[in-house]
């Protein structure tokens, strides 16, 4: 199944859901950053959540940035999603190794540690919209649920999963986000909660070969479901030489001048895709000259 994002609603019930298969994009991120299994799971869950949140933006050229800043050995996780659901991301310590939890699962919460989750939405306003919440347990899904409840006042439930194969590649990855709209009836909430209590983990369902439609039907069992939209998603970096030049200029003239004097050529690596941009001493001096005009 190719990477896809599906949006649906429970007809006449005030419930909306977004579900995504992200196996390919999480594997792409693993290849770029050469992540260990626990780092793959942490980054993959955050990328999946960011894809879903990006797709919810009302502005075509909008973007959402999700930062998970914990004190664990994985360090900070940063993911950026566009309004079409395409994403990019990185984490500080891609080589983090941790023993499995007592239940045999990857210890993402231990890798993330304590800290906070920040969401920054750029929807074309003068200033971005920012919300911050303390991490619940560093497992990402529960942290995201708290964010929606506290920062956006939207009752939500979220599931995110990454299944890493024995060769460290991504066997399957995905997630879903279900949210209650204003006016939802208590009986519908009770039915949804009963469904969630018996719904299997996302990777279990994907590993069985279940489609997104079947997964949504499982979460919304007993409801009449309207499938609204299905879109392809994936991993996409937005870096360019022009953007790197602007980043170099933002360092300030003194720092850029020092770089030009000390090195015959300078290399700048994109954090999201590891592409290396090389600047000669003369090119840096031309940048400085342009900035001084």
C-alpha atoms as a PDB file:
ATOM      1  CA  UNK A   1       0.000   0.000   0.000  1.00  0.00           C
ATOM      2  CA  UNK A   2       1.488   3.359  -1.029  1.00  0.00           C
ATOM      3  CA  UNK A   3       1.570   6.240   1.438  1.00  0.00           C
ATOM      4  CA  UNK A   4      -1.956   7.639   1.622  1.00  0.00           C
ATOM      5  CA  UNK A   5      -4.033   9.895   3.848  1.00  0.00           C
ATOM      6  CA  UNK A   6      -7.788   9.314   4.164  1.00  0.00           C
ATOM      7  CA  UNK A   7     -10.325  11.672   5.711  1.00  0.00           C
ATOM      8  CA  UNK A   8     -13.804  10.598   6.764  1.00  0.00           C
ATOM      9  CA  UNK A   9     -16.693  11.530   9.057  1.00  0.00           C
ATOM     10  CA  UNK A  10     -19.319   9.629  11.001  1.00  0.00           C
ATOM     11  CA  UNK A  11     -22.523  10.806   9.330  1.00  0.00           C
ATOM     12  CA  UNK A  12     -24.830  12.712  11.714  1.00  0.00           C
ATOM     13  CA  UNK A  13     -22.587  11.902  14.672  1.00  0.00           C
ATOM     14  CA  UNK A  14     -20.190  14.859  14.940  1.00  0.00           C
ATOM     15  CA  UNK A  15     -17.042  12.745  14.622  1.00  0.00           C
ATOM     16  CA  UNK A  16     -14.223  13.209  12.112  1.00  0.00           C
ATOM     17  CA  UNK A  17     -11.219  10.996  11.463  1.00  0.00           C
ATOM     18  CA  UNK A  18      -7.993  11.156   9.481  1.00  0.00           C
ATOM     19  CA  UNK A  19      -5.990   7.979   8.910  1.00  0.00           C
ATOM     20  CA  UNK A  20      -2.666   7.540   7.138  1.00  0.00           C
ATOM     21  CA  UNK A  21      -0.313   4.864   5.875  1.00  0.00           C
ATOM     22  CA  UNK A  22       3.221   6.268   6.113  1.00  0.00           C
ATOM     23  CA  UNK A  23       5.452   3.219   5.620  1.00  0.00           C
ATOM     24  CA  UNK A  24       7.329   4.643   2.636  1.00  0.00           C
ATOM     25  CA  UNK A  25       8.008   8.084   4.041  1.00  0.00           C
ATOM     26  CA  UNK A  26       9.159   6.714   7.397  1.00  0.00           C
ATOM     27  CA  UNK A  27      11.494   4.303   5.594  1.00  0.00           C
ATOM     28  CA  UNK A  28      12.786   7.249   3.539  1.00  0.00           C
ATOM     29  CA  UNK A  29      13.496   9.168   6.734  1.00  0.00           C
ATOM     30  CA  UNK A  30      15.285   6.107   8.158  1.00  0.00           C
ATOM     31  CA  UNK A  31      17.486   5.882   5.074  1.00  0.00           C
ATOM     32  CA  UNK A  32      18.333   9.590   5.117  1.00  0.00           C
ATOM     33  CA  UNK A  33      19.185   9.788   8.807  1.00  0.00           C
ATOM     34  CA  UNK A  34      20.395   6.181   9.339  1.00  0.00           C
ATOM     35  CA  UNK A  35      18.243   5.826  12.450  1.00  0.00           C
ATOM     36  CA  UNK A  36      18.296   3.032  15.009  1.00  0.00           C
ATOM     37  CA  UNK A  37      14.980   1.204  15.595  1.00  0.00           C
ATOM     38  CA  UNK A  38      13.929   3.359  18.563  1.00  0.00           C
ATOM     39  CA  UNK A  39      14.867   6.544  16.686  1.00  0.00           C
ATOM     40  CA  UNK A  40      12.982   5.294  13.610  1.00  0.00           C
ATOM     41  CA  UNK A  41       9.869   4.718  15.734  1.00  0.00           C
ATOM     42  CA  UNK A  42      10.044   8.121  17.439  1.00  0.00           C
ATOM     43  CA  UNK A  43      10.693  10.050  14.240  1.00  0.00           C
ATOM     44  CA  UNK A  44       8.178   7.958  12.280  1.00  0.00           C
ATOM     45  CA  UNK A  45       5.373   8.542  14.763  1.00  0.00           C
ATOM     46  CA  UNK A  46       6.033  12.280  14.747  1.00  0.00           C
ATOM     47  CA  UNK A  47       6.193  12.394  10.934  1.00  0.00           C
ATOM     48  CA  UNK A  48       2.869  10.552  10.740  1.00  0.00           C
ATOM     49  CA  UNK A  49       1.208  12.940  13.187  1.00  0.00           C
ATOM     50  CA  UNK A  50       2.619  15.909  11.301  1.00  0.00           C
ATOM     51  CA  UNK A  51       1.265  14.618   7.977  1.00  0.00           C
ATOM     52  CA  UNK A  52      -2.213  14.321   9.472  1.00  0.00           C
ATOM     53  CA  UNK A  53      -2.034  17.774  11.063  1.00  0.00           C
ATOM     54  CA  UNK A  54      -0.693  19.341   7.886  1.00  0.00           C
ATOM     55  CA  UNK A  55      -3.607  17.950   5.912  1.00  0.00           C
ATOM     56  CA  UNK A  56      -6.004  19.705   8.311  1.00  0.00           C
ATOM     57  CA  UNK A  57      -4.675  23.172   7.475  1.00  0.00           C
ATOM     58  CA  UNK A  58      -7.175  25.431   5.759  1.00  0.00           C
ATOM     59  CA  UNK A  59      -4.506  27.295   3.742  1.00  0.00           C
ATOM     60  CA  UNK A  60      -3.038  25.649   0.622  1.00  0.00           C
ATOM     61  CA  UNK A  61       0.440  27.097   1.220  1.00  0.00           C
ATOM     62  CA  UNK A  62       0.326  26.645   5.001  1.00  0.00           C
ATOM     63  CA  UNK A  63       2.656  24.501   7.078  1.00  0.00           C
ATOM     64  CA  UNK A  64       2.797  22.980  10.538  1.00  0.00           C
ATOM     65  CA  UNK A  65       5.919  22.315  12.595  1.00  0.00           C
ATOM     66  CA  UNK A  66       5.831  19.753  15.406  1.00  0.00           C
ATOM     67  CA  UNK A  67       8.688  19.852  17.911  1.00  0.00           C
ATOM     68  CA  UNK A  68       9.113  17.210  20.608  1.00  0.00           C
ATOM     69  CA  UNK A  69      11.655  18.511  23.122  1.00  0.00           C
ATOM     70  CA  UNK A  70      12.416  15.942  25.772  1.00  0.00           C
ATOM     71  CA  UNK A  71      15.384  15.359  28.045  1.00  0.00           C
ATOM     72  CA  UNK A  72      15.881  11.762  26.888  1.00  0.00           C
ATOM     73  CA  UNK A  73      18.772  10.432  24.790  1.00  0.00           C
ATOM     74  CA  UNK A  74      16.926  10.892  21.462  1.00  0.00           C
ATOM     75  CA  UNK A  75      17.094  14.677  21.856  1.00  0.00           C
ATOM     76  CA  UNK A  76      14.740  17.049  20.061  1.00  0.00           C
ATOM     77  CA  UNK A  77      12.527  15.815  17.222  1.00  0.00           C
ATOM     78  CA  UNK A  78      11.475  18.343  14.571  1.00  0.00           C
ATOM     79  CA  UNK A  79       8.988  17.612  11.771  1.00  0.00           C
ATOM     80  CA  UNK A  80       7.431  19.965   9.234  1.00  0.00           C
ATOM     81  CA  UNK A  81       4.292  19.212   7.248  1.00  0.00           C
ATOM     82  CA  UNK A  82       2.716  21.017   4.325  1.00  0.00           C
ATOM     83  CA  UNK A  83      -1.015  21.412   3.682  1.00  0.00           C
ATOM     84  CA  UNK A  84      -0.938  18.522   1.193  1.00  0.00           C
ATOM     85  CA  UNK A  85       0.277  16.114   3.882  1.00  0.00           C
ATOM     86  CA  UNK A  86       3.868  15.818   2.641  1.00  0.00           C
ATOM     87  CA  UNK A  87       6.464  15.966   5.407  1.00  0.00           C
ATOM     88  CA  UNK A  88      10.122  16.124   6.388  1.00  0.00           C
ATOM     89  CA  UNK A  89      11.868  15.762   9.723  1.00  0.00           C
ATOM     90  CA  UNK A  90      14.930  14.934  11.788  1.00  0.00           C
ATOM     91  CA  UNK A  91      15.963  14.179  15.352  1.00  0.00           C
ATOM     92  CA  UNK A  92      19.121  15.039  17.244  1.00  0.00           C
ATOM     93  CA  UNK A  93      20.440  11.583  18.088  1.00  0.00           C
ATOM     94  CA  UNK A  94      19.632   9.211  15.242  1.00  0.00           C
ATOM     95  CA  UNK A  95      22.083   6.669  16.653  1.00  0.00           C
ATOM     96  CA  UNK A  96      20.375   6.302  20.041  1.00  0.00           C
ATOM     97  CA  UNK A  97      20.252   2.691  21.259  1.00  0.00           C
ATOM     98  CA  UNK A  98      17.959   1.606  24.105  1.00  0.00           C
ATOM     99  CA  UNK A  99      16.937  -1.802  25.468  1.00  0.00           C
ATOM    100  CA  UNK A 100      13.389  -2.920  24.715  1.00  0.00           C
ATOM    101  CA  UNK A 101      10.661  -2.310  27.263  1.00  0.00           C
ATOM    102  CA  UNK A 102       9.477  -5.130  29.514  1.00  0.00           C
ATOM    103  CA  UNK A 103       6.663  -5.851  27.037  1.00  0.00           C
ATOM    104  CA  UNK A 104       9.170  -6.273  24.207  1.00  0.00           C
ATOM    105  CA  UNK A 105       8.322  -2.998  22.479  1.00  0.00           C
ATOM    106  CA  UNK A 106      10.621  -0.140  21.504  1.00  0.00           C
ATOM    107  CA  UNK A 107      11.074   2.331  24.352  1.00  0.00           C
ATOM    108  CA  UNK A 108      10.112   5.553  22.568  1.00  0.00           C
ATOM    109  CA  UNK A 109       8.925   7.189  25.792  1.00  0.00           C
ATOM    110  CA  UNK A 110      12.254   6.463  27.467  1.00  0.00           C
ATOM    111  CA  UNK A 111      14.103   7.828  24.466  1.00  0.00           C
ATOM    112  CA  UNK A 112      12.098  11.053  24.439  1.00  0.00           C
ATOM    113  CA  UNK A 113      12.001  11.600  28.212  1.00  0.00           C
ATOM    114  CA  UNK A 114      10.267  14.477  29.961  1.00  0.00           C
ATOM    115  CA  UNK A 115       9.724  17.837  28.323  1.00  0.00           C
ATOM    116  CA  UNK A 116       7.167  19.438  26.060  1.00  0.00           C
ATOM    117  CA  UNK A 117       5.511  19.286  22.666  1.00  0.00           C
ATOM    118  CA  UNK A 118       5.211  22.454  20.598  1.00  0.00           C
ATOM    119  CA  UNK A 119       3.074  22.952  17.494  1.00  0.00           C
ATOM    120  CA  UNK A 120       3.657  25.945  15.221  1.00  0.00           C
ATOM    121  CA  UNK A 121       1.112  26.616  12.469  1.00  0.00           C
ATOM    122  CA  UNK A 122       1.878  29.023   9.643  1.00  0.00           C
ATOM    123  CA  UNK A 123      -1.402  29.785   7.875  1.00  0.00           C
ATOM    124  CA  UNK A 124      -0.509  33.093   6.241  1.00  0.00           C
ATOM    125  CA  UNK A 125      -1.181  35.372   9.205  1.00  0.00           C
ATOM    126  CA  UNK A 126       1.293  37.992  10.390  1.00  0.00           C
ATOM    127  CA  UNK A 127       2.559  35.676  13.117  1.00  0.00           C
ATOM    128  CA  UNK A 128       2.441  31.864  13.349  1.00  0.00           C
ATOM    129  CA  UNK A 129       0.016  30.236  15.801  1.00  0.00           C
ATOM    130  CA  UNK A 130       1.885  28.401  18.552  1.00  0.00           C
ATOM    131  CA  UNK A 131       0.735  25.943  21.212  1.00  0.00           C
ATOM    132  CA  UNK A 132       2.820  24.131  23.828  1.00  0.00           C
ATOM    133  CA  UNK A 133       1.959  21.315  26.246  1.00  0.00           C
ATOM    134  CA  UNK A 134       3.935  19.196  28.661  1.00  0.00           C
ATOM    135  CA  UNK A 135       4.645  15.678  27.427  1.00  0.00           C
ATOM    136  CA  UNK A 136       2.387  12.977  28.871  1.00  0.00           C
ATOM    137  CA  UNK A 137       4.778  10.059  28.392  1.00  0.00           C
ATOM    138  CA  UNK A 138       6.880  10.801  25.287  1.00  0.00           C
ATOM    139  CA  UNK A 139       5.081   8.141  23.246  1.00  0.00           C
ATOM    140  CA  UNK A 140       3.857  10.922  20.873  1.00  0.00           C
ATOM    141  CA  UNK A 141       0.213   9.803  20.391  1.00  0.00           C
ATOM    142  CA  UNK A 142      -0.885  10.562  23.962  1.00  0.00           C
ATOM    143  CA  UNK A 143       1.154  13.775  23.884  1.00  0.00           C
ATOM    144  CA  UNK A 144      -0.659  14.860  20.739  1.00  0.00           C
ATOM    145  CA  UNK A 145      -4.026  14.072  22.346  1.00  0.00           C
ATOM    146  CA  UNK A 146      -3.137  16.394  25.222  1.00  0.00           C
ATOM    147  CA  UNK A 147      -2.096  19.105  22.763  1.00  0.00           C
ATOM    148  CA  UNK A 148      -5.476  19.049  21.005  1.00  0.00           C
ATOM    149  CA  UNK A 149      -7.365  19.034  24.318  1.00  0.00           C
ATOM    150  CA  UNK A 150      -5.393  21.852  25.966  1.00  0.00           C
ATOM    151  CA  UNK A 151      -4.294  24.078  23.072  1.00  0.00           C
ATOM    152  CA  UNK A 152      -7.142  23.691  20.585  1.00  0.00           C
ATOM    153  CA  UNK A 153      -9.926  22.526  22.933  1.00  0.00           C
ATOM    154  CA  UNK A 154     -10.759  19.594  20.629  1.00  0.00           C
ATOM    155  CA  UNK A 155     -11.467  16.251  22.333  1.00  0.00           C
ATOM    156  CA  UNK A 156      -9.362  13.741  20.378  1.00  0.00           C
ATOM    157  CA  UNK A 157      -7.927  10.254  20.333  1.00  0.00           C
ATOM    158  CA  UNK A 158      -4.815   9.293  18.424  1.00  0.00           C
ATOM    159  CA  UNK A 159      -2.921   6.154  17.474  1.00  0.00           C
ATOM    160  CA  UNK A 160       0.530   6.160  15.894  1.00  0.00           C
ATOM    161  CA  UNK A 161       2.749   3.204  15.119  1.00  0.00           C
ATOM    162  CA  UNK A 162       5.957   2.128  13.409  1.00  0.00           C
ATOM    163  CA  UNK A 163       6.811  -1.558  13.050  1.00  0.00           C
ATOM    164  CA  UNK A 164      10.547  -2.066  12.491  1.00  0.00           C
ATOM    165  CA  UNK A 165      11.624  -5.283  10.750  1.00  0.00           C
ATOM    166  CA  UNK A 166      14.552  -7.504  11.776  1.00  0.00           C
ATOM    167  CA  UNK A 167      16.820  -5.799   9.211  1.00  0.00           C
ATOM    168  CA  UNK A 168      15.929  -2.401  10.795  1.00  0.00           C
ATOM    169  CA  UNK A 169      13.831  -1.349   7.784  1.00  0.00           C
ATOM    170  CA  UNK A 170      10.261  -0.129   8.276  1.00  0.00           C
ATOM    171  CA  UNK A 171       7.792  -2.976   7.846  1.00  0.00           C
ATOM    172  CA  UNK A 172       4.753  -0.740   8.228  1.00  0.00           C
ATOM    173  CA  UNK A 173       3.848   2.634   9.720  1.00  0.00           C
ATOM    174  CA  UNK A 174       0.767   4.776  10.067  1.00  0.00           C
ATOM    175  CA  UNK A 175      -1.742   6.330  12.389  1.00  0.00           C
ATOM    176  CA  UNK A 176      -5.174   7.798  12.891  1.00  0.00           C
ATOM    177  CA  UNK A 177      -6.622  10.854  14.609  1.00  0.00           C
ATOM    178  CA  UNK A 178     -10.289  10.957  15.583  1.00  0.00           C
ATOM    179  CA  UNK A 179     -11.839  14.212  16.840  1.00  0.00           C
ATOM    180  CA  UNK A 180     -15.196  15.230  18.269  1.00  0.00           C
ATOM    181  CA  UNK A 181     -16.980  18.172  16.718  1.00  0.00           C
ATOM    182  CA  UNK A 182     -19.254  20.554  18.668  1.00  0.00           C
ATOM    183  CA  UNK A 183     -22.654  19.110  19.532  1.00  0.00           C
ATOM    184  CA  UNK A 184     -21.675  15.433  19.527  1.00  0.00           C
ATOM    185  CA  UNK A 185     -24.124  13.323  21.546  1.00  0.00           C
ATOM    186  CA  UNK A 186     -23.134  11.469  24.704  1.00  0.00           C
ATOM    187  CA  UNK A 187     -24.385   8.176  23.251  1.00  0.00           C
ATOM    188  CA  UNK A 188     -22.092   8.600  20.235  1.00  0.00           C
ATOM    189  CA  UNK A 189     -19.138   9.379  22.508  1.00  0.00           C
ATOM    190  CA  UNK A 190     -19.863   6.226  24.524  1.00  0.00           C
ATOM    191  CA  UNK A 191     -20.008   4.131  21.353  1.00  0.00           C
ATOM    192  CA  UNK A 192     -16.731   5.606  20.086  1.00  0.00           C
ATOM    193  CA  UNK A 193     -14.987   4.993  23.418  1.00  0.00           C
ATOM    194  CA  UNK A 194     -16.144   1.364  23.367  1.00  0.00           C
ATOM    195  CA  UNK A 195     -14.729   1.022  19.841  1.00  0.00           C
ATOM    196  CA  UNK A 196     -11.382   2.523  20.831  1.00  0.00           C
ATOM    197  CA  UNK A 197     -11.094   0.144  23.776  1.00  0.00           C
ATOM    198  CA  UNK A 198     -11.186  -2.864  21.447  1.00  0.00           C
ATOM    199  CA  UNK A 199      -9.336  -1.421  18.420  1.00  0.00           C
ATOM    200  CA  UNK A 200      -5.984  -3.106  17.775  1.00  0.00           C
ATOM    201  CA  UNK A 201      -2.741  -1.110  17.436  1.00  0.00           C
ATOM    202  CA  UNK A 202      -2.309   0.619  14.069  1.00  0.00           C
ATOM    203  CA  UNK A 203       0.688  -1.499  13.040  1.00  0.00           C
ATOM    204  CA  UNK A 204      -1.148  -4.704  13.954  1.00  0.00           C
ATOM    205  CA  UNK A 205      -3.967  -3.766  11.600  1.00  0.00           C
ATOM    206  CA  UNK A 206      -1.598  -2.704   8.826  1.00  0.00           C
ATOM    207  CA  UNK A 207       0.513  -5.830   9.231  1.00  0.00           C
ATOM    208  CA  UNK A 208      -2.650  -7.884   8.753  1.00  0.00           C
ATOM    209  CA  UNK A 209      -3.159  -6.185   5.402  1.00  0.00           C
ATOM    210  CA  UNK A 210      -6.114  -4.028   6.439  1.00  0.00           C
ATOM    211  CA  UNK A 211      -6.846  -1.020   4.218  1.00  0.00           C
ATOM    212  CA  UNK A 212      -7.337   2.496   5.551  1.00  0.00           C
ATOM    213  CA  UNK A 213     -11.052   2.180   4.807  1.00  0.00           C
ATOM    214  CA  UNK A 214     -11.228  -0.983   6.919  1.00  0.00           C
ATOM    215  CA  UNK A 215      -9.272   0.671   9.737  1.00  0.00           C
ATOM    216  CA  UNK A 216     -11.589   3.693   9.731  1.00  0.00           C
ATOM    217  CA  UNK A 217     -14.618   1.383   9.733  1.00  0.00           C
ATOM    218  CA  UNK A 218     -13.131  -0.423  12.741  1.00  0.00           C
ATOM    219  CA  UNK A 219     -12.616   2.797  14.718  1.00  0.00           C
ATOM    220  CA  UNK A 220     -16.090   4.021  13.724  1.00  0.00           C
ATOM    221  CA  UNK A 221     -17.817   0.655  14.064  1.00  0.00           C
ATOM    222  CA  UNK A 222     -21.597   1.098  14.277  1.00  0.00           C
ATOM    223  CA  UNK A 223     -21.551   4.537  12.643  1.00  0.00           C
ATOM    224  CA  UNK A 224     -22.533   5.401   9.075  1.00  0.00           C
ATOM    225  CA  UNK A 225     -19.218   6.526   7.567  1.00  0.00           C
ATOM    226  CA  UNK A 226     -18.765   9.020   4.729  1.00  0.00           C
ATOM    227  CA  UNK A 227     -15.316   8.831   3.109  1.00  0.00           C
ATOM    228  CA  UNK A 228     -14.427  12.361   2.050  1.00  0.00           C
ATOM    229  CA  UNK A 229     -10.973  12.464   0.503  1.00  0.00           C
ATOM    230  CA  UNK A 230      -7.950  10.287  -0.223  1.00  0.00           C
ATOM    231  CA  UNK A 231      -4.588  11.852  -1.063  1.00  0.00           C
ATOM    232  CA  UNK A 232      -1.052  10.592  -1.692  1.00  0.00           C
ATOM    233  CA  UNK A 233       1.547  11.719   0.852  1.00  0.00           C
ATOM    234  CA  UNK A 234       5.284  11.239   1.255  1.00  0.00           C
ATOM    235  CA  UNK A 235       8.641  12.607   2.377  1.00  0.00           C
ATOM    236  CA  UNK A 236       9.636  15.862   0.689  1.00  0.00           C
ATOM    237  CA  UNK A 237      12.376  18.314   1.603  1.00  0.00           C
ATOM    238  CA  UNK A 238      11.968  21.950   0.628  1.00  0.00           C
ATOM    239  CA  UNK A 239      15.631  22.929   0.814  1.00  0.00           C
ATOM    240  CA  UNK A 240      17.368  24.857  -1.974  1.00  0.00           C
ATOM    241  CA  UNK A 241      20.624  26.692  -2.490  1.00  0.00           C
ATOM    242  CA  UNK A 242      18.762  30.007  -2.240  1.00  0.00           C
ATOM    243  CA  UNK A 243      17.357  29.053   1.176  1.00  0.00           C
ATOM    244  CA  UNK A 244      20.795  27.994   2.380  1.00  0.00           C
ATOM    245  CA  UNK A 245      22.182  31.335   1.222  1.00  0.00           C
ATOM    246  CA  UNK A 246      19.527  33.140   3.258  1.00  0.00           C
ATOM    247  CA  UNK A 247      20.405  30.987   6.265  1.00  0.00           C
ATOM    248  CA  UNK A 248      24.077  31.878   5.885  1.00  0.00           C
ATOM    249  CA  UNK A 249      23.236  35.578   5.704  1.00  0.00           C
ATOM    250  CA  UNK A 250      21.123  35.268   8.849  1.00  0.00           C
ATOM    251  CA  UNK A 251      24.304  34.270  10.728  1.00  0.00           C
ATOM    252  CA  UNK A 252      25.439  37.867  10.500  1.00  0.00           C
ATOM    253  CA  UNK A 253      28.204  39.542   8.514  1.00  0.00           C
ATOM    254  CA  UNK A 254      30.932  38.979  11.096  1.00  0.00           C
ATOM    255  CA  UNK A 255      30.332  35.234  11.347  1.00  0.00           C
ATOM    256  CA  UNK A 256      30.035  34.834   7.579  1.00  0.00           C
ATOM    257  CA  UNK A 257      33.208  36.852   6.986  1.00  0.00           C
ATOM    258  CA  UNK A 258      35.070  34.706   9.516  1.00  0.00           C
ATOM    259  CA  UNK A 259      33.877  31.549   7.735  1.00  0.00           C
ATOM    260  CA  UNK A 260      35.115  32.888   4.389  1.00  0.00           C
ATOM    261  CA  UNK A 261      38.529  33.774   5.760  1.00  0.00           C
ATOM    262  CA  UNK A 262      39.142  30.541   7.646  1.00  0.00           C
ATOM    263  CA  UNK A 263      38.116  27.982   5.009  1.00  0.00           C
ATOM    264  CA  UNK A 264      38.788  27.550   1.309  1.00  0.00           C
ATOM    265  CA  UNK A 265      35.330  26.016   0.965  1.00  0.00           C
ATOM    266  CA  UNK A 266      32.454  25.577   3.372  1.00  0.00           C
ATOM    267  CA  UNK A 267      29.843  22.824   3.478  1.00  0.00           C
ATOM    268  CA  UNK A 268      26.296  23.264   4.742  1.00  0.00           C
ATOM    269  CA  UNK A 269      24.196  20.132   5.287  1.00  0.00           C
ATOM    270  CA  UNK A 270      20.387  20.220   5.254  1.00  0.00           C
ATOM    271  CA  UNK A 271      19.074  18.739   8.498  1.00  0.00           C
ATOM    272  CA  UNK A 272      15.990  17.316   6.787  1.00  0.00           C
ATOM    273  CA  UNK A 273      17.508  15.481   3.812  1.00  0.00           C
ATOM    274  CA  UNK A 274      21.286  15.505   4.457  1.00  0.00           C
ATOM    275  CA  UNK A 275      21.965  17.195   1.108  1.00  0.00           C
ATOM    276  CA  UNK A 276      25.323  18.996   1.191  1.00  0.00           C
ATOM    277  CA  UNK A 277      25.691  22.488  -0.266  1.00  0.00           C
ATOM    278  CA  UNK A 278      29.265  23.595  -0.976  1.00  0.00           C
ATOM    279  CA  UNK A 279      30.290  27.262  -1.004  1.00  0.00           C
ATOM    280  CA  UNK A 280      33.726  28.438  -2.090  1.00  0.00           C
ATOM    281  CA  UNK A 281      35.482  31.299  -0.330  1.00  0.00           C
ATOM    282  CA  UNK A 282      34.704  33.545  -3.281  1.00  0.00           C
ATOM    283  CA  UNK A 283      30.999  32.631  -3.202  1.00  0.00           C
ATOM    284  CA  UNK A 284      30.797  33.533   0.479  1.00  0.00           C
ATOM    285  CA  UNK A 285      32.504  36.853  -0.223  1.00  0.00           C
ATOM    286  CA  UNK A 286      29.976  37.531  -2.998  1.00  0.00           C
ATOM    287  CA  UNK A 287      27.166  36.817  -0.549  1.00  0.00           C
ATOM    288  CA  UNK A 288      28.698  39.310   1.872  1.00  0.00           C
ATOM    289  CA  UNK A 289      29.078  41.929  -0.838  1.00  0.00           C
ATOM    290  CA  UNK A 290      25.460  41.487  -1.872  1.00  0.00           C
ATOM    291  CA  UNK A 291      24.278  41.819   1.713  1.00  0.00           C
ATOM    292  CA  UNK A 292      26.192  45.073   2.173  1.00  0.00           C
ATOM    293  CA  UNK A 293      24.501  46.767  -0.815  1.00  0.00           C
END
